[in-house]
Amino acid sequence: MTSALDAIYQLGQLLLMFLAGAELRIRAGGRERRTGTIVAAAGLLAPFAAGAGIATLVPGVFSGPAGSTVTTALVVGLAMAVAAIPVISRIMMDLKIMDTAFGRIVLLVAVVEDVILYVVLAVVLGLARSGAGHPSGLWGVVGTTAVAPTAAYFTAVSLLFFAGSLTRGARLFRRVAGHRANIVARQSPVAFRLIFLCVMVLLCLGLGINAVFGALMAGVCAARGDQGVDGDGAAAEGGPAAWEAIRQFSMAFFIPVFFVLVGVRLDLVRAFDPLFFLWFLTLACGIKTFSVWAAARLAGEDPLFSSSLAFALNARGTIGIVLAGVTRQAELINDRFFVVLVLVSLVTCQIAGFRLSKAADRLRTATVTGPRRQLRGTRAGR
């Protein structure tokens, strides 16, 4: 029974990351890209540095049995800086602000931040597994657990895997999907995309990278290939219907069960520390909010626009829960910090949704007018 639940947990996690990867699309351009780049740099570096610094000072508060000073610092830095693209996208779609200047900047920042953070997490998990004496995949053949070469390997392999997937993955997916010998793609587009997911997961396992990153990049490559976004040929056939079918059966069973199992693993009686939760929530949200708000103001955005960006990018959501799950599974964090990460992920999504719903009407009318982005009906009308 336990093995079956673990299998469903893993499958739900992979499908969640597969769908999350499909949302990793940058649509901003011009001033939106400039603002997004400034905000992404500040919103990533300041929280990550703060989290890593705190964990270095008090590693025992966060660290699990397999955690070292370095891995604990990196994990806490990730927890402070992460943003959840699936949750943010869903909130903005429901509020009808996805295709606005605000929505495009939020997605740009979230994509830039998350890609960088995923690379860091891939390196951390690889180091943790090797440091525990269980190197996996290609690096396991080498048979060494020395820190320097292990760190160099996982950093290089993770960067190459992400870079290759982002630059060549969509083209490769579309060529394979459109090949005349590919009977599966013609008969069942859903099955072909799931097979592609499995191949990317197996590739990651062979390289020694955590499987969730194979699922993430599979979603990126397949979604970009379906849309023909790299300018090399037409979009793959059957894409929209296949994605809708995958989303429906994933959300109908596997992903909800994944979240249920995450909840089952929360030991709120023995592992929940209210004081720990409150100070980490306050610190994480405070640093992220201020850094994003200050960067947006520096880029010339209005106070309302800047504060809305800060609240939106504070939502940890599903990605925060996945971060908590994979690091706890690797024994890099303790149960107390696992509970805090899951609760912070849930609470920040509620805060972001509430704040954006209040500002949605004004955010829909945000326009670029001269050196500073204005909001019609407010400063633009004065």
Protein backbone atom coordinates (compact mmCIF):
# COMPACT_ATOMS: atom_id res chain seq x y z
CA MET A 1 0.00 0.00 0.00
CA THR A 2 2.80 2.37 0.93
CA SER A 3 4.62 1.63 -2.34
CA ALA A 4 1.46 2.33 -4.33
CA LEU A 5 0.92 5.67 -2.57
CA ASP A 6 4.55 6.61 -3.13
CA ALA A 7 4.17 5.82 -6.83
CA ILE A 8 1.05 8.01 -7.08
CA TYR A 9 2.86 10.76 -5.16
CA GLN A 10 5.78 10.66 -7.59
CA LEU A 11 3.53 10.54 -10.64
CA GLY A 12 1.44 13.45 -9.39
CA GLN A 13 4.60 15.46 -8.75
CA LEU A 14 5.92 14.75 -12.25
CA LEU A 15 2.62 15.68 -13.91
CA LEU A 16 2.47 18.87 -11.83
CA MET A 17 5.96 19.86 -13.00
CA PHE A 18 5.11 18.86 -16.58
CA LEU A 19 2.15 21.25 -16.58
CA ALA A 20 4.21 23.91 -14.78
CA GLY A 21 6.82 23.69 -17.54
CA ALA A 22 4.12 24.42 -20.10
CA GLU A 23 3.61 27.79 -18.40
CA LEU A 24 7.28 28.82 -18.73
CA ARG A 25 6.78 31.21 -21.64
CA ILE A 26 8.21 34.71 -21.92
CA ARG A 27 5.88 37.10 -23.72
CA ALA A 28 7.17 40.49 -22.63
CA GLY A 29 9.13 42.85 -24.85
CA GLY A 30 10.48 46.41 -24.91
CA ARG A 31 10.03 48.32 -21.66
CA GLU A 32 8.20 45.36 -20.15
CA ARG A 33 11.30 43.21 -20.67
CA ARG A 34 13.51 45.95 -19.18
CA THR A 35 11.33 46.29 -16.09
CA GLY A 36 11.05 42.52 -15.73
CA THR A 37 14.81 42.04 -15.92
CA ILE A 38 15.47 44.61 -13.18
CA VAL A 39 12.74 43.16 -10.96
CA ALA A 40 13.91 39.58 -11.54
CA ALA A 41 17.49 40.42 -10.58
CA ALA A 42 16.49 42.16 -7.35
CA GLY A 43 13.69 39.72 -6.49
CA LEU A 44 16.05 36.79 -6.87
CA LEU A 45 19.37 37.99 -5.47
CA ALA A 46 18.20 39.78 -2.31
CA PRO A 47 15.93 37.00 -0.91
CA PHE A 48 18.36 34.25 -1.93
CA ALA A 49 21.32 35.99 -0.27
CA ALA A 50 19.29 36.73 2.86
CA GLY A 51 18.06 33.13 3.16
CA ALA A 52 21.51 31.67 2.56
CA GLY A 53 23.01 34.04 5.12
CA ILE A 54 20.47 33.18 7.81
CA ALA A 55 20.88 29.44 7.20
CA THR A 56 24.66 29.78 7.47
CA LEU A 57 24.29 31.44 10.88
CA VAL A 58 21.76 28.94 12.29
CA PRO A 59 21.88 25.80 10.09
CA GLY A 60 20.41 23.56 12.79
CA VAL A 61 17.06 25.33 12.57
CA PHE A 62 16.54 24.12 8.99
CA SER A 63 18.89 21.21 8.31
CA GLY A 64 17.90 17.55 8.04
CA PRO A 65 20.05 14.43 8.57
CA ALA A 66 21.71 14.70 5.12
CA GLY A 67 21.99 18.47 5.08
CA SER A 68 25.33 20.24 5.16
CA THR A 69 26.05 23.92 5.74
CA VAL A 70 26.26 24.51 1.99
CA THR A 71 23.14 22.56 0.96
CA THR A 72 21.08 24.01 3.82
CA ALA A 73 22.09 27.56 2.87
CA LEU A 74 21.15 26.96 -0.76
CA VAL A 75 17.79 25.37 0.09
CA VAL A 76 16.78 28.18 2.46
CA GLY A 77 17.88 30.72 -0.15
CA LEU A 78 15.67 28.97 -2.71
CA ALA A 79 12.74 28.91 -0.28
CA MET A 80 13.03 32.67 0.23
CA ALA A 81 13.24 33.48 -3.50
CA VAL A 82 10.93 30.99 -5.22
CA ALA A 83 7.76 32.04 -7.10
CA ALA A 84 5.00 29.72 -8.36
CA ILE A 85 4.22 30.19 -12.05
CA PRO A 86 1.19 27.81 -12.14
CA VAL A 87 -0.53 29.54 -9.22
CA ILE A 88 0.29 33.07 -10.39
CA SER A 89 -0.92 32.22 -13.90
CA ARG A 90 -4.19 30.80 -12.60
CA ILE A 91 -4.85 33.83 -10.40
CA MET A 92 -4.19 36.24 -13.28
CA MET A 93 -6.32 34.19 -15.69
CA ASP A 94 -9.24 34.22 -13.26
CA LEU A 95 -8.88 37.99 -12.80
CA LYS A 96 -8.46 38.53 -16.58
CA ILE A 97 -5.10 40.29 -16.21
CA MET A 98 -2.93 37.62 -17.85
CA ASP A 99 -2.67 39.42 -21.22
CA THR A 100 -1.92 42.84 -19.74
CA ALA A 101 1.39 44.64 -19.30
CA PHE A 102 1.30 43.60 -15.65
CA GLY A 103 0.68 39.94 -16.49
CA ARG A 104 3.48 39.79 -19.04
CA ILE A 105 5.99 41.32 -16.62
CA VAL A 106 4.97 38.94 -13.81
CA LEU A 107 5.41 35.91 -16.06
CA LEU A 108 8.76 37.18 -17.36
CA VAL A 109 10.09 37.66 -13.82
CA ALA A 110 8.73 34.33 -12.61
CA VAL A 111 10.22 32.46 -15.58
CA VAL A 112 13.68 34.02 -15.17
CA GLU A 113 13.70 33.44 -11.42
CA ASP A 114 12.40 29.89 -11.58
CA VAL A 115 14.75 28.68 -14.31
CA ILE A 116 17.76 29.90 -12.31
CA LEU A 117 16.39 28.45 -9.08
CA TYR A 118 15.66 25.10 -10.73
CA VAL A 119 19.27 24.86 -11.89
CA VAL A 120 20.48 25.61 -8.35
CA LEU A 121 18.11 23.03 -6.86
CA ALA A 122 19.25 20.40 -9.39
CA VAL A 123 22.84 21.00 -8.30
CA VAL A 124 21.89 20.85 -4.60
CA LEU A 125 20.04 17.55 -4.96
CA GLY A 126 22.90 16.06 -6.96
CA LEU A 127 25.42 17.14 -4.34
CA ALA A 128 23.25 15.77 -1.54
CA ARG A 129 22.90 12.35 -3.15
CA SER A 130 26.59 12.13 -3.95
CA GLY A 131 27.58 13.39 -0.49
CA ALA A 132 25.46 10.70 1.12
CA GLY A 133 27.54 8.10 -0.68
CA HIS A 134 24.83 7.26 -3.23
CA PRO A 135 25.86 9.01 -6.46
CA SER A 136 23.39 8.16 -9.19
CA GLY A 137 23.36 8.12 -12.95
CA LEU A 138 26.41 8.88 -15.02
CA TRP A 139 28.34 10.34 -12.08
CA GLY A 140 27.84 7.13 -10.13
CA VAL A 141 30.01 5.35 -12.70
CA VAL A 142 32.93 7.61 -11.78
CA GLY A 143 32.60 6.48 -8.18
CA THR A 144 33.99 9.56 -6.44
CA THR A 145 32.21 11.69 -3.84
CA ALA A 146 34.84 14.44 -3.60
CA VAL A 147 33.08 17.78 -3.24
CA ALA A 148 34.92 19.80 -5.91
CA PRO A 149 34.53 17.43 -8.91
CA THR A 150 31.00 16.48 -7.84
CA ALA A 151 29.96 20.13 -7.64
CA ALA A 152 31.58 20.84 -11.01
CA TYR A 153 29.82 17.87 -12.64
CA PHE A 154 26.32 18.63 -11.38
CA THR A 155 26.66 22.34 -12.11
CA ALA A 156 27.86 21.71 -15.67
CA VAL A 157 25.34 18.94 -16.41
CA SER A 158 22.40 20.89 -14.97
CA LEU A 159 23.30 24.02 -16.94
CA LEU A 160 23.76 22.05 -20.16
CA PHE A 161 20.49 20.17 -19.67
CA PHE A 162 18.48 23.33 -19.04
CA ALA A 163 20.22 25.30 -21.81
CA GLY A 164 19.81 22.50 -24.34
CA SER A 165 16.15 22.03 -23.46
CA LEU A 166 15.37 25.73 -23.71
CA THR A 167 17.22 26.31 -26.99
CA ARG A 168 16.75 23.04 -28.92
CA GLY A 169 14.05 21.12 -27.10
CA ALA A 170 11.02 22.56 -28.88
CA ARG A 171 12.51 21.98 -32.32
CA LEU A 172 13.45 18.40 -31.44
CA PHE A 173 9.97 17.71 -30.05
CA ARG A 174 8.26 19.06 -33.16
CA ARG A 175 10.50 17.12 -35.54
CA VAL A 176 9.90 13.86 -33.72
CA ALA A 177 6.17 14.58 -33.44
CA GLY A 178 5.90 15.30 -37.17
CA HIS A 179 8.06 12.41 -38.39
CA ARG A 180 6.19 10.10 -40.73
CA ALA A 181 7.38 7.04 -38.78
CA ASN A 182 5.86 8.37 -35.54
CA ILE A 183 2.60 6.44 -35.50
CA VAL A 184 1.97 7.19 -31.81
CA ALA A 185 1.90 10.99 -32.34
CA ARG A 186 -0.69 10.63 -35.12
CA GLN A 187 -2.88 8.08 -33.36
CA SER A 188 -2.70 9.54 -29.84
CA PRO A 189 -1.14 12.97 -29.28
CA VAL A 190 -1.70 12.58 -25.53
CA ALA A 191 0.23 9.30 -25.40
CA PHE A 192 3.10 10.80 -27.40
CA ARG A 193 3.45 13.74 -25.00
CA LEU A 194 3.43 11.40 -22.02
CA ILE A 195 6.08 9.22 -23.67
CA PHE A 196 8.14 12.36 -24.26
CA LEU A 197 7.73 13.16 -20.55
CA CYS A 198 9.00 9.68 -19.62
CA VAL A 199 12.00 9.97 -21.96
CA MET A 200 13.02 13.33 -20.46
CA VAL A 201 12.64 11.93 -16.92
CA LEU A 202 14.79 8.91 -17.81
CA LEU A 203 17.40 11.20 -19.37
CA CYS A 204 17.61 13.15 -16.11
CA LEU A 205 17.91 9.98 -14.06
CA GLY A 206 20.69 8.80 -16.36
CA LEU A 207 22.56 12.07 -15.83
CA GLY A 208 21.98 11.93 -12.07
CA ILE A 209 19.58 14.91 -12.07
CA ASN A 210 16.34 14.75 -10.07
CA ALA A 211 13.41 13.49 -12.15
CA VAL A 212 11.26 16.57 -11.50
CA PHE A 213 13.53 18.63 -13.75
CA GLY A 214 13.03 16.19 -16.61
CA ALA A 215 9.29 16.66 -16.21
CA LEU A 216 9.66 20.43 -16.07
CA MET A 217 11.77 20.64 -19.23
CA ALA A 218 9.52 18.12 -21.00
CA GLY A 219 6.62 20.53 -20.41
CA VAL A 220 8.67 23.47 -21.68
CA CYS A 221 9.80 21.69 -24.84
CA ALA A 222 6.42 20.15 -25.66
CA ALA A 223 4.45 23.37 -25.09
CA ARG A 224 6.88 25.48 -27.13
CA GLY A 225 6.91 22.85 -29.87
CA ASP A 226 3.12 22.78 -29.97
CA GLN A 227 3.03 26.56 -30.39
CA GLY A 228 5.88 26.82 -32.88
CA VAL A 229 7.46 29.59 -30.82
CA ASP A 230 11.03 29.13 -32.07
CA GLY A 231 10.13 30.17 -35.59
CA ASP A 232 11.24 26.88 -37.17
CA GLY A 233 8.20 25.48 -38.90
CA ALA A 234 4.54 25.18 -37.96
CA ALA A 235 3.19 24.16 -34.59
CA ALA A 236 2.76 20.46 -33.86
CA GLU A 237 -0.66 19.01 -34.64
CA GLY A 238 -3.12 18.11 -31.90
CA GLY A 239 -1.36 20.20 -29.28
CA PRO A 240 -4.22 22.18 -27.67
CA ALA A 241 -6.54 19.17 -27.39
CA ALA A 242 -3.75 16.97 -26.03
CA TRP A 243 -2.77 19.51 -23.37
CA GLU A 244 -6.39 19.91 -22.31
CA ALA A 245 -6.76 16.14 -21.94
CA ILE A 246 -3.52 15.85 -19.95
CA ARG A 247 -4.58 18.73 -17.73
CA GLN A 248 -8.02 17.21 -17.12
CA PHE A 249 -6.90 13.73 -16.05
CA SER A 250 -3.97 15.15 -14.05
CA MET A 251 -6.18 17.58 -12.16
CA ALA A 252 -8.94 15.00 -11.75
CA PHE A 253 -6.84 12.49 -9.81
CA PHE A 254 -3.04 12.49 -9.72
CA ILE A 255 -2.28 16.09 -8.74
CA PRO A 256 -5.06 16.30 -6.08
CA VAL A 257 -3.83 13.01 -4.59
CA PHE A 258 -0.28 14.41 -4.61
CA PHE A 259 -1.42 17.37 -2.51
CA VAL A 260 -3.40 15.09 -0.22
CA LEU A 261 -0.30 12.97 0.38
CA VAL A 262 1.73 16.12 1.07
CA GLY A 263 -0.89 17.02 3.66
CA VAL A 264 -0.73 13.55 5.19
CA ARG A 265 3.02 13.97 5.65
CA LEU A 266 2.53 17.19 7.60
CA ASP A 267 2.99 16.39 11.27
CA LEU A 268 1.21 19.47 12.64
CA VAL A 269 1.06 18.07 16.16
CA ARG A 270 4.77 17.45 16.70
CA ALA A 271 6.50 19.40 13.91
CA PHE A 272 4.53 22.66 13.69
CA ASP A 273 6.26 25.55 15.46
CA PRO A 274 4.00 28.65 15.33
CA LEU A 275 6.81 31.04 16.22
CA PHE A 276 9.11 29.56 13.56
CA PHE A 277 6.31 29.79 11.00
CA LEU A 278 5.51 33.42 11.80
CA TRP A 279 9.06 34.74 11.74
CA PHE A 280 9.97 32.85 8.56
CA LEU A 281 6.77 33.98 6.80
CA THR A 282 7.37 37.59 7.85
CA LEU A 283 11.02 37.55 6.86
CA ALA A 284 10.54 35.75 3.54
CA CYS A 285 7.62 37.91 2.46
CA GLY A 286 9.18 41.11 3.78
CA ILE A 287 12.48 40.74 1.93
CA LYS A 288 10.86 39.55 -1.30
CA THR A 289 8.22 42.28 -1.20
CA PHE A 290 10.65 45.09 -0.54
CA SER A 291 13.22 43.96 -3.11
CA VAL A 292 10.61 43.58 -5.89
CA TRP A 293 8.83 46.82 -4.97
CA ALA A 294 12.09 48.81 -4.83
CA ALA A 295 13.28 47.39 -8.16
CA ALA A 296 9.97 48.17 -9.85
CA ARG A 297 10.03 51.72 -8.54
CA LEU A 298 13.64 52.06 -9.71
CA ALA A 299 12.47 50.92 -13.17
CA GLY A 300 9.92 53.75 -13.19
CA GLU A 301 6.70 51.94 -12.25
CA ASP A 302 3.78 53.38 -10.28
CA PRO A 303 3.38 52.57 -6.56
CA LEU A 304 0.25 50.45 -7.22
CA PHE A 305 1.91 48.59 -10.09
CA SER A 306 5.07 48.02 -8.02
CA SER A 307 3.25 46.78 -4.91
CA SER A 308 1.06 44.47 -7.02
CA LEU A 309 4.17 42.97 -8.59
CA ALA A 310 5.62 42.41 -5.13
CA PHE A 311 2.53 40.59 -3.86
CA ALA A 312 2.13 38.49 -7.01
CA LEU A 313 5.74 37.31 -6.97
CA ASN A 314 5.48 36.35 -3.30
CA ALA A 315 3.19 33.43 -4.12
CA ARG A 316 5.20 30.24 -3.52
CA GLY A 317 2.33 27.86 -4.23
CA THR A 318 2.87 24.54 -5.95
CA ILE A 319 6.57 25.13 -6.64
CA GLY A 320 7.19 25.89 -2.96
CA ILE A 321 5.44 22.63 -2.04
CA VAL A 322 7.51 20.68 -4.57
CA LEU A 323 10.67 22.30 -3.16
CA ALA A 324 9.62 21.22 0.33
CA GLY A 325 8.82 17.70 -0.83
CA VAL A 326 11.99 16.93 -2.80
CA THR A 327 14.34 18.43 -0.19
CA ARG A 328 12.62 16.57 2.65
CA GLN A 329 12.71 13.36 0.63
CA ALA A 330 16.46 13.91 0.21
CA GLU A 331 16.66 14.57 4.00
CA LEU A 332 18.16 18.01 3.41
CA ILE A 333 15.61 19.72 5.67
CA ASN A 334 13.97 18.71 8.93
CA ASP A 335 10.27 18.11 9.55
CA ARG A 336 9.76 21.51 11.21
CA PHE A 337 11.05 23.39 8.19
CA PHE A 338 9.09 21.11 5.83
CA VAL A 339 5.84 22.03 7.59
CA VAL A 340 6.75 25.72 7.53
CA LEU A 341 7.55 25.65 3.80
CA VAL A 342 4.24 24.00 2.91
CA LEU A 343 2.21 26.40 5.06
CA VAL A 344 4.08 29.45 3.76
CA SER A 345 3.40 28.27 0.19
CA LEU A 346 -0.34 28.08 0.92
CA VAL A 347 -0.60 31.35 2.84
CA THR A 348 1.35 33.43 0.31
CA CYS A 349 -0.97 32.26 -2.50
CA GLN A 350 -3.99 33.43 -0.52
CA ILE A 351 -2.36 36.79 0.15
CA ALA A 352 -1.39 37.25 -3.51
CA GLY A 353 -4.87 36.36 -4.74
CA PHE A 354 -6.55 38.73 -2.30
CA ARG A 355 -4.23 41.63 -3.14
CA LEU A 356 -4.48 41.23 -6.91
CA SER A 357 -8.27 40.94 -6.81
CA LYS A 358 -8.39 44.38 -5.17
CA ALA A 359 -6.19 45.96 -7.85
CA ALA A 360 -7.36 43.96 -10.90
CA ASP A 361 -9.54 46.69 -12.44
CA ARG A 362 -6.74 49.23 -12.39
CA LEU A 363 -4.08 46.75 -13.51
CA ARG A 364 -6.11 45.93 -16.63
CA THR A 365 -5.72 49.54 -17.79
CA ALA A 366 -1.97 49.86 -17.17
CA THR A 367 -0.25 51.43 -20.19
CA VAL A 368 3.19 52.70 -21.13
CA THR A 369 3.12 56.47 -21.48
CA GLY A 370 6.52 58.08 -21.69
CA PRO A 371 9.22 57.53 -19.10
CA ARG A 372 6.92 55.98 -16.50
CA ARG A 373 4.14 53.38 -16.69
CA GLN A 374 0.83 55.06 -15.83
CA LEU A 375 -2.58 53.85 -14.78
CA ARG A 376 -5.56 55.35 -16.55
CA GLY A 377 -7.99 56.95 -14.20
CA THR A 378 -5.28 57.68 -11.64
CA ARG A 379 -2.07 59.54 -12.33
CA ALA A 380 -2.57 59.49 -16.10
CA GLY A 381 -5.75 61.48 -15.75
CA ARG A 382 -4.35 64.21 -13.56
